[in-house]
Amino acid sequence: MFAVVLDPDASSLPRGNGRRLNAVVRRGVLIAEQTAEALDMYPLPAENYEQMRRLLEYGRADLALASDIEGLSPVSGPDWSHLNRLPEPVVRFTLYHYLNRRHAQLAIELAVVLEQLEREGFKARILQEALSRQAGQAR
């Protein structure tokens, strides 16, 4: 989980100077909400990433908390290029997906396919293509 701030020179989380910081988070992203609360920040929920960006730009939030999964982040597109993603993650976490029991067989079959994709190098190529597209959008 990374923090994004307006200050282009910032390299660490902003200080509240006696007040509780507002951290805009994507509504329903529990890890972001819990991280804000653990850091004694007020989690300000947003419906989408555009709203998160606007709250930051308008000064309604001191920072945004957004995830980065294997280098892919919803806050790295061209609309976010004028904002500063701090270099160090605020928190690291392992992402677990929960599965309904009725999909257990599908999950087993999917795991076999995903393992084959990784073994044959497809996963790495797909990730590299996605990262390249993301880097191209940021220009």
N, C-alpha and C. Protein backbone atom coordinates (compact mmCIF):
# COMPACT_ATOMS: atom_id res chain seq x y z
N MET A 1 0.85 -1.16 0.00
CA MET A 1 0.00 0.00 0.00
C MET A 1 0.90 1.23 0.00
N PHE A 2 0.70 2.10 -0.99
CA PHE A 2 1.50 3.31 -1.12
C PHE A 2 0.68 4.54 -0.81
N ALA A 3 1.36 5.60 -0.41
CA ALA A 3 0.73 6.89 -0.19
C ALA A 3 1.03 7.78 -1.39
N VAL A 4 0.05 8.56 -1.80
CA VAL A 4 0.20 9.54 -2.87
C VAL A 4 -0.12 10.90 -2.27
N VAL A 5 0.74 11.89 -2.55
CA VAL A 5 0.58 13.22 -2.00
C VAL A 5 0.73 14.27 -3.10
N LEU A 6 0.30 15.48 -2.80
CA LEU A 6 0.44 16.59 -3.75
C LEU A 6 1.87 17.11 -3.83
N ASP A 7 2.56 17.17 -2.71
CA ASP A 7 3.90 17.75 -2.64
C ASP A 7 4.88 16.94 -3.48
N PRO A 8 5.42 17.53 -4.57
CA PRO A 8 6.33 16.79 -5.44
C PRO A 8 7.67 16.46 -4.78
N ASP A 9 8.02 17.16 -3.70
CA ASP A 9 9.31 16.95 -3.04
C ASP A 9 9.22 16.03 -1.83
N ALA A 10 8.03 15.61 -1.47
CA ALA A 10 7.86 14.78 -0.28
C ALA A 10 8.48 13.40 -0.50
N SER A 11 9.10 12.89 0.55
CA SER A 11 9.64 11.53 0.49
C SER A 11 9.13 10.68 1.65
N SER A 12 8.30 11.29 2.49
CA SER A 12 7.71 10.54 3.61
C SER A 12 6.30 11.08 3.85
N LEU A 13 5.57 10.37 4.69
CA LEU A 13 4.20 10.76 4.99
C LEU A 13 4.15 12.19 5.55
N PRO A 14 3.12 12.95 5.20
CA PRO A 14 3.00 14.29 5.77
C PRO A 14 2.73 14.22 7.27
N ARG A 15 3.02 15.31 7.94
CA ARG A 15 2.77 15.40 9.38
C ARG A 15 1.49 16.17 9.61
N GLY A 16 0.76 15.78 10.62
CA GLY A 16 -0.50 16.44 10.91
C GLY A 16 -0.36 17.70 11.73
N ASN A 17 0.82 17.90 12.33
CA ASN A 17 1.05 19.08 13.19
C ASN A 17 -0.11 19.29 14.17
N GLY A 18 -0.43 18.24 14.89
CA GLY A 18 -1.46 18.34 15.92
C GLY A 18 -2.86 17.99 15.45
N ARG A 19 -3.05 17.81 14.17
CA ARG A 19 -4.39 17.44 13.69
C ARG A 19 -4.31 16.07 13.02
N ARG A 20 -5.43 15.41 13.00
CA ARG A 20 -5.52 14.08 12.38
C ARG A 20 -5.57 14.24 10.85
N LEU A 21 -4.70 13.54 10.13
CA LEU A 21 -4.67 13.63 8.68
C LEU A 21 -5.87 12.93 8.05
N ASN A 22 -6.31 13.44 6.91
CA ASN A 22 -7.35 12.79 6.12
C ASN A 22 -6.68 11.95 5.04
N ALA A 23 -6.94 10.67 5.07
CA ALA A 23 -6.39 9.76 4.07
C ALA A 23 -7.53 9.25 3.21
N VAL A 24 -7.53 9.64 1.94
CA VAL A 24 -8.59 9.17 1.06
C VAL A 24 -8.29 7.72 0.67
N VAL A 25 -9.31 6.88 0.78
CA VAL A 25 -9.19 5.45 0.48
C VAL A 25 -10.34 5.04 -0.42
N ARG A 26 -10.14 4.00 -1.17
CA ARG A 26 -11.20 3.47 -2.01
C ARG A 26 -12.20 2.75 -1.12
N ARG A 27 -13.47 3.15 -1.21
CA ARG A 27 -14.51 2.54 -0.36
C ARG A 27 -14.51 1.03 -0.54
N GLY A 28 -14.49 0.32 0.57
CA GLY A 28 -14.54 -1.14 0.55
C GLY A 28 -13.18 -1.81 0.53
N VAL A 29 -12.10 -1.05 0.34
CA VAL A 29 -10.76 -1.64 0.38
C VAL A 29 -10.32 -1.62 1.84
N LEU A 30 -10.62 -2.72 2.51
CA LEU A 30 -10.46 -2.78 3.96
C LEU A 30 -9.03 -2.53 4.40
N ILE A 31 -8.05 -3.03 3.66
CA ILE A 31 -6.65 -2.83 4.07
C ILE A 31 -6.30 -1.35 4.09
N ALA A 32 -6.84 -0.57 3.16
CA ALA A 32 -6.58 0.87 3.13
C ALA A 32 -7.26 1.55 4.32
N GLU A 33 -8.51 1.18 4.57
CA GLU A 33 -9.24 1.77 5.70
C GLU A 33 -8.54 1.45 7.02
N GLN A 34 -8.13 0.19 7.18
CA GLN A 34 -7.48 -0.24 8.42
C GLN A 34 -6.11 0.40 8.58
N THR A 35 -5.39 0.58 7.46
CA THR A 35 -4.08 1.22 7.52
C THR A 35 -4.22 2.67 7.97
N ALA A 36 -5.19 3.37 7.41
CA ALA A 36 -5.42 4.76 7.81
C ALA A 36 -5.72 4.84 9.31
N GLU A 37 -6.59 3.98 9.78
CA GLU A 37 -6.94 4.00 11.20
C GLU A 37 -5.76 3.63 12.08
N ALA A 38 -4.95 2.65 11.65
CA ALA A 38 -3.79 2.24 12.44
C ALA A 38 -2.76 3.36 12.54
N LEU A 39 -2.71 4.23 11.53
CA LEU A 39 -1.79 5.36 11.53
C LEU A 39 -2.43 6.61 12.15
N ASP A 40 -3.57 6.43 12.80
CA ASP A 40 -4.33 7.51 13.43
C ASP A 40 -4.73 8.60 12.43
N MET A 41 -5.10 8.15 11.24
CA MET A 41 -5.60 9.05 10.20
C MET A 41 -7.09 8.81 10.04
N TYR A 42 -7.77 9.81 9.55
CA TYR A 42 -9.20 9.66 9.29
C TYR A 42 -9.37 9.11 7.88
N PRO A 43 -9.94 7.88 7.72
CA PRO A 43 -10.15 7.33 6.38
C PRO A 43 -11.33 8.01 5.69
N LEU A 44 -11.06 8.68 4.61
CA LEU A 44 -12.06 9.41 3.84
C LEU A 44 -12.42 8.55 2.63
N PRO A 45 -13.58 7.88 2.64
CA PRO A 45 -13.91 6.94 1.57
C PRO A 45 -14.27 7.64 0.26
N ALA A 46 -13.80 7.07 -0.85
CA ALA A 46 -14.11 7.56 -2.19
C ALA A 46 -14.70 6.42 -3.00
N GLU A 47 -15.59 6.75 -3.90
CA GLU A 47 -16.26 5.73 -4.71
C GLU A 47 -15.39 5.17 -5.82
N ASN A 48 -14.42 5.96 -6.30
CA ASN A 48 -13.56 5.52 -7.39
C ASN A 48 -12.24 6.28 -7.33
N TYR A 49 -11.29 5.90 -8.19
CA TYR A 49 -9.97 6.51 -8.13
C TYR A 49 -9.98 7.95 -8.64
N GLU A 50 -10.88 8.28 -9.53
CA GLU A 50 -10.99 9.67 -9.98
C GLU A 50 -11.40 10.56 -8.82
N GLN A 51 -12.36 10.11 -8.03
CA GLN A 51 -12.78 10.88 -6.86
C GLN A 51 -11.63 11.00 -5.85
N MET A 52 -10.85 9.94 -5.70
CA MET A 52 -9.69 10.00 -4.80
C MET A 52 -8.74 11.10 -5.26
N ARG A 53 -8.44 11.12 -6.56
CA ARG A 53 -7.53 12.11 -7.12
C ARG A 53 -8.05 13.53 -6.90
N ARG A 54 -9.33 13.72 -7.18
CA ARG A 54 -9.91 15.05 -7.03
C ARG A 54 -9.90 15.53 -5.58
N LEU A 55 -10.19 14.64 -4.64
CA LEU A 55 -10.14 15.02 -3.23
C LEU A 55 -8.74 15.46 -2.83
N LEU A 56 -7.74 14.78 -3.38
CA LEU A 56 -6.35 15.19 -3.13
C LEU A 56 -6.07 16.55 -3.75
N GLU A 57 -6.44 16.71 -5.01
CA GLU A 57 -6.19 17.96 -5.73
C GLU A 57 -6.89 19.15 -5.09
N TYR A 58 -8.09 18.96 -4.60
CA TYR A 58 -8.86 20.04 -3.99
C TYR A 58 -8.46 20.31 -2.55
N GLY A 59 -7.52 19.52 -2.02
CA GLY A 59 -7.06 19.74 -0.67
C GLY A 59 -7.98 19.18 0.40
N ARG A 60 -8.93 18.37 0.01
CA ARG A 60 -9.86 17.77 0.99
C ARG A 60 -9.21 16.59 1.71
N ALA A 61 -8.14 16.04 1.12
CA ALA A 61 -7.41 14.92 1.72
C ALA A 61 -5.93 15.28 1.72
N ASP A 62 -5.22 14.80 2.74
CA ASP A 62 -3.78 15.04 2.84
C ASP A 62 -2.98 14.03 2.03
N LEU A 63 -3.54 12.85 1.84
CA LEU A 63 -2.88 11.81 1.08
C LEU A 63 -3.91 10.79 0.63
N ALA A 64 -3.52 10.00 -0.36
CA ALA A 64 -4.35 8.89 -0.82
C ALA A 64 -3.60 7.60 -0.53
N LEU A 65 -4.31 6.57 -0.15
CA LEU A 65 -3.71 5.25 0.06
C LEU A 65 -4.21 4.34 -1.05
N ALA A 66 -3.26 3.79 -1.80
CA ALA A 66 -3.63 2.92 -2.93
C ALA A 66 -2.68 1.73 -2.99
N SER A 67 -3.22 0.62 -3.43
CA SER A 67 -2.42 -0.59 -3.51
C SER A 67 -1.63 -0.65 -4.81
N ASP A 68 -0.63 -1.47 -4.80
CA ASP A 68 0.24 -1.73 -5.94
C ASP A 68 0.47 -3.23 -5.91
N ILE A 69 -0.05 -3.93 -6.90
CA ILE A 69 0.06 -5.38 -6.93
C ILE A 69 0.94 -5.77 -8.10
N GLU A 70 2.11 -6.33 -7.77
CA GLU A 70 3.11 -6.72 -8.76
C GLU A 70 3.43 -5.58 -9.72
N GLY A 71 3.52 -4.37 -9.18
CA GLY A 71 3.88 -3.22 -9.99
C GLY A 71 2.73 -2.54 -10.69
N LEU A 72 1.55 -3.10 -10.63
CA LEU A 72 0.38 -2.49 -11.26
C LEU A 72 -0.39 -1.69 -10.22
N SER A 73 -0.66 -0.44 -10.56
CA SER A 73 -1.36 0.43 -9.62
C SER A 73 -2.38 1.28 -10.35
N PRO A 74 -3.55 1.45 -9.76
CA PRO A 74 -4.57 2.29 -10.40
C PRO A 74 -4.23 3.78 -10.34
N VAL A 75 -3.20 4.15 -9.61
CA VAL A 75 -2.84 5.56 -9.48
C VAL A 75 -1.57 5.92 -10.25
N SER A 76 -1.28 5.19 -11.31
CA SER A 76 -0.06 5.48 -12.05
C SER A 76 -0.34 5.94 -13.48
N GLY A 77 -1.58 6.19 -13.81
CA GLY A 77 -1.93 6.66 -15.15
C GLY A 77 -1.61 8.13 -15.34
N PRO A 78 -1.87 8.65 -16.52
CA PRO A 78 -1.53 10.05 -16.82
C PRO A 78 -2.26 11.07 -15.95
N ASP A 79 -3.46 10.75 -15.50
CA ASP A 79 -4.19 11.68 -14.63
C ASP A 79 -3.52 11.86 -13.28
N TRP A 80 -2.63 10.95 -12.92
CA TRP A 80 -1.97 10.99 -11.62
C TRP A 80 -0.52 11.45 -11.74
N SER A 81 -0.06 11.78 -12.94
CA SER A 81 1.36 12.05 -13.15
C SER A 81 1.87 13.28 -12.40
N HIS A 82 1.00 14.23 -12.08
CA HIS A 82 1.42 15.43 -11.35
C HIS A 82 1.45 15.22 -9.84
N LEU A 83 1.03 14.05 -9.40
CA LEU A 83 1.03 13.72 -7.98
C LEU A 83 2.25 12.87 -7.65
N ASN A 84 2.60 12.81 -6.40
CA ASN A 84 3.82 12.14 -5.96
C ASN A 84 3.48 10.87 -5.17
N ARG A 85 3.82 9.73 -5.76
CA ARG A 85 3.70 8.48 -5.02
C ARG A 85 4.96 8.32 -4.20
N LEU A 86 4.80 8.25 -2.88
CA LEU A 86 5.97 8.15 -2.02
C LEU A 86 6.73 6.86 -2.30
N PRO A 87 8.06 6.90 -2.20
CA PRO A 87 8.87 5.76 -2.63
C PRO A 87 8.72 4.49 -1.80
N GLU A 88 8.50 4.64 -0.52
CA GLU A 88 8.39 3.47 0.35
C GLU A 88 6.93 3.14 0.64
N PRO A 89 6.57 1.87 0.63
CA PRO A 89 5.19 1.51 0.96
C PRO A 89 4.86 1.87 2.41
N VAL A 90 3.61 2.23 2.62
CA VAL A 90 3.12 2.52 3.96
C VAL A 90 3.00 1.21 4.73
N VAL A 91 2.56 0.18 4.03
CA VAL A 91 2.42 -1.15 4.63
C VAL A 91 2.52 -2.18 3.50
N ARG A 92 3.08 -3.32 3.82
CA ARG A 92 3.13 -4.44 2.88
C ARG A 92 2.12 -5.48 3.36
N PHE A 93 1.47 -6.13 2.42
CA PHE A 93 0.48 -7.13 2.80
C PHE A 93 0.39 -8.20 1.73
N THR A 94 -0.09 -9.35 2.13
CA THR A 94 -0.33 -10.44 1.20
C THR A 94 -1.81 -10.43 0.86
N LEU A 95 -2.11 -10.46 -0.42
CA LEU A 95 -3.48 -10.40 -0.87
C LEU A 95 -4.05 -11.81 -0.97
N TYR A 96 -5.14 -12.05 -0.27
CA TYR A 96 -5.83 -13.33 -0.31
C TYR A 96 -7.22 -13.12 -0.90
N HIS A 97 -7.60 -13.99 -1.79
CA HIS A 97 -8.95 -13.93 -2.34
C HIS A 97 -9.77 -15.04 -1.68
N TYR A 98 -10.99 -14.72 -1.37
CA TYR A 98 -11.86 -15.70 -0.74
C TYR A 98 -12.75 -16.33 -1.80
N LEU A 99 -13.04 -17.59 -1.60
CA LEU A 99 -13.72 -18.38 -2.59
C LEU A 99 -14.97 -19.02 -1.98
N ASN A 100 -16.05 -18.95 -2.72
CA ASN A 100 -17.26 -19.63 -2.31
C ASN A 100 -17.05 -21.14 -2.50
N ARG A 101 -17.55 -21.92 -1.57
CA ARG A 101 -17.35 -23.38 -1.63
C ARG A 101 -17.84 -24.00 -2.94
N ARG A 102 -18.88 -23.44 -3.51
CA ARG A 102 -19.42 -24.04 -4.74
C ARG A 102 -18.46 -23.90 -5.92
N HIS A 103 -17.43 -23.05 -5.78
CA HIS A 103 -16.44 -22.86 -6.84
C HIS A 103 -15.13 -23.60 -6.55
N ALA A 104 -15.13 -24.49 -5.59
CA ALA A 104 -13.90 -25.18 -5.19
C ALA A 104 -13.29 -25.96 -6.35
N GLN A 105 -14.07 -26.69 -7.11
CA GLN A 105 -13.53 -27.47 -8.22
C GLN A 105 -12.94 -26.54 -9.29
N LEU A 106 -13.63 -25.47 -9.57
CA LEU A 106 -13.12 -24.50 -10.54
C LEU A 106 -11.78 -23.94 -10.08
N ALA A 107 -11.63 -23.67 -8.79
CA ALA A 107 -10.37 -23.14 -8.26
C ALA A 107 -9.23 -24.13 -8.45
N ILE A 108 -9.51 -25.41 -8.26
CA ILE A 108 -8.48 -26.43 -8.45
C ILE A 108 -8.04 -26.47 -9.91
N GLU A 109 -9.01 -26.44 -10.82
CA GLU A 109 -8.69 -26.46 -12.25
C GLU A 109 -7.95 -25.18 -12.65
N LEU A 110 -8.36 -24.06 -12.12
CA LEU A 110 -7.72 -22.79 -12.43
C LEU A 110 -6.28 -22.78 -11.91
N ALA A 111 -6.05 -23.33 -10.74
CA ALA A 111 -4.69 -23.39 -10.18
C ALA A 111 -3.76 -24.16 -11.09
N VAL A 112 -4.25 -25.25 -11.68
CA VAL A 112 -3.43 -26.05 -12.60
C VAL A 112 -3.07 -25.22 -13.84
N VAL A 113 -4.03 -24.50 -14.38
CA VAL A 113 -3.79 -23.67 -15.56
C VAL A 113 -2.83 -22.54 -15.24
N LEU A 114 -3.02 -21.88 -14.11
CA LEU A 114 -2.14 -20.78 -13.71
C LEU A 114 -0.71 -21.27 -13.49
N GLU A 115 -0.56 -22.43 -12.90
CA GLU A 115 0.76 -23.01 -12.70
C GLU A 115 1.44 -23.27 -14.05
N GLN A 116 0.68 -23.77 -15.02
CA GLN A 116 1.22 -24.03 -16.35
C GLN A 116 1.62 -22.71 -17.03
N LEU A 117 0.79 -21.67 -16.89
CA LEU A 117 1.12 -20.37 -17.47
C LEU A 117 2.43 -19.82 -16.89
N GLU A 118 2.60 -20.00 -15.59
CA GLU A 118 3.83 -19.51 -14.97
C GLU A 118 5.03 -20.34 -15.41
N ARG A 119 4.88 -21.63 -15.45
CA ARG A 119 5.97 -22.53 -15.85
C ARG A 119 6.43 -22.23 -17.28
N GLU A 120 5.49 -21.90 -18.16
CA GLU A 120 5.82 -21.66 -19.57
C GLU A 120 6.19 -20.20 -19.85
N GLY A 121 6.18 -19.36 -18.81
CA GLY A 121 6.61 -17.98 -18.97
C GLY A 121 5.53 -17.02 -19.43
N PHE A 122 4.31 -17.48 -19.61
CA PHE A 122 3.23 -16.61 -20.06
C PHE A 122 2.89 -15.54 -19.03
N LYS A 123 2.87 -15.93 -17.77
CA LYS A 123 2.51 -14.98 -16.72
C LYS A 123 3.48 -13.80 -16.72
N ALA A 124 4.78 -14.09 -16.82
CA ALA A 124 5.79 -13.01 -16.83
C ALA A 124 5.60 -12.11 -18.04
N ARG A 125 5.28 -12.69 -19.20
CA ARG A 125 5.07 -11.87 -20.41
C ARG A 125 3.84 -11.00 -20.28
N ILE A 126 2.76 -11.56 -19.75
CA ILE A 126 1.52 -10.78 -19.57
C ILE A 126 1.78 -9.63 -18.61
N LEU A 127 2.48 -9.90 -17.51
CA LEU A 127 2.78 -8.86 -16.54
C LEU A 127 3.66 -7.78 -17.18
N GLN A 128 4.66 -8.18 -17.94
CA GLN A 128 5.55 -7.21 -18.60
C GLN A 128 4.77 -6.34 -19.59
N GLU A 129 3.86 -6.95 -20.35
CA GLU A 129 3.04 -6.18 -21.29
C GLU A 129 2.16 -5.17 -20.55
N ALA A 130 1.57 -5.60 -19.44
CA ALA A 130 0.71 -4.71 -18.66
C ALA A 130 1.52 -3.55 -18.09
N LEU A 131 2.72 -3.84 -17.58
CA LEU A 131 3.57 -2.79 -17.04
C LEU A 131 4.03 -1.83 -18.13
N SER A 132 4.31 -2.35 -19.31
CA SER A 132 4.71 -1.50 -20.43
C SER A 132 3.57 -0.58 -20.85
N ARG A 133 2.35 -1.12 -20.92
CA ARG A 133 1.19 -0.29 -21.26
C ARG A 133 0.98 0.79 -20.21
N GLN A 134 1.12 0.41 -18.95
CA GLN A 134 0.95 1.36 -17.86
C GLN A 134 2.00 2.45 -17.95
N ALA A 135 3.24 2.10 -18.23
CA ALA A 135 4.31 3.09 -18.35
C ALA A 135 4.05 3.99 -19.56
N GLY A 136 3.51 3.46 -20.65
CA GLY A 136 3.19 4.25 -21.82
C GLY A 136 2.07 5.25 -21.55
N GLN A 137 1.13 4.90 -20.71
CA GLN A 137 0.03 5.80 -20.36
C GLN A 137 0.52 6.94 -19.47
N ALA A 138 1.55 6.69 -18.68
CA ALA A 138 2.03 7.69 -17.74
C ALA A 138 2.80 8.81 -18.45
N ARG A 139 3.22 8.58 -19.66
CA ARG A 139 3.99 9.60 -20.39
C ARG A 139 3.14 10.72 -20.87
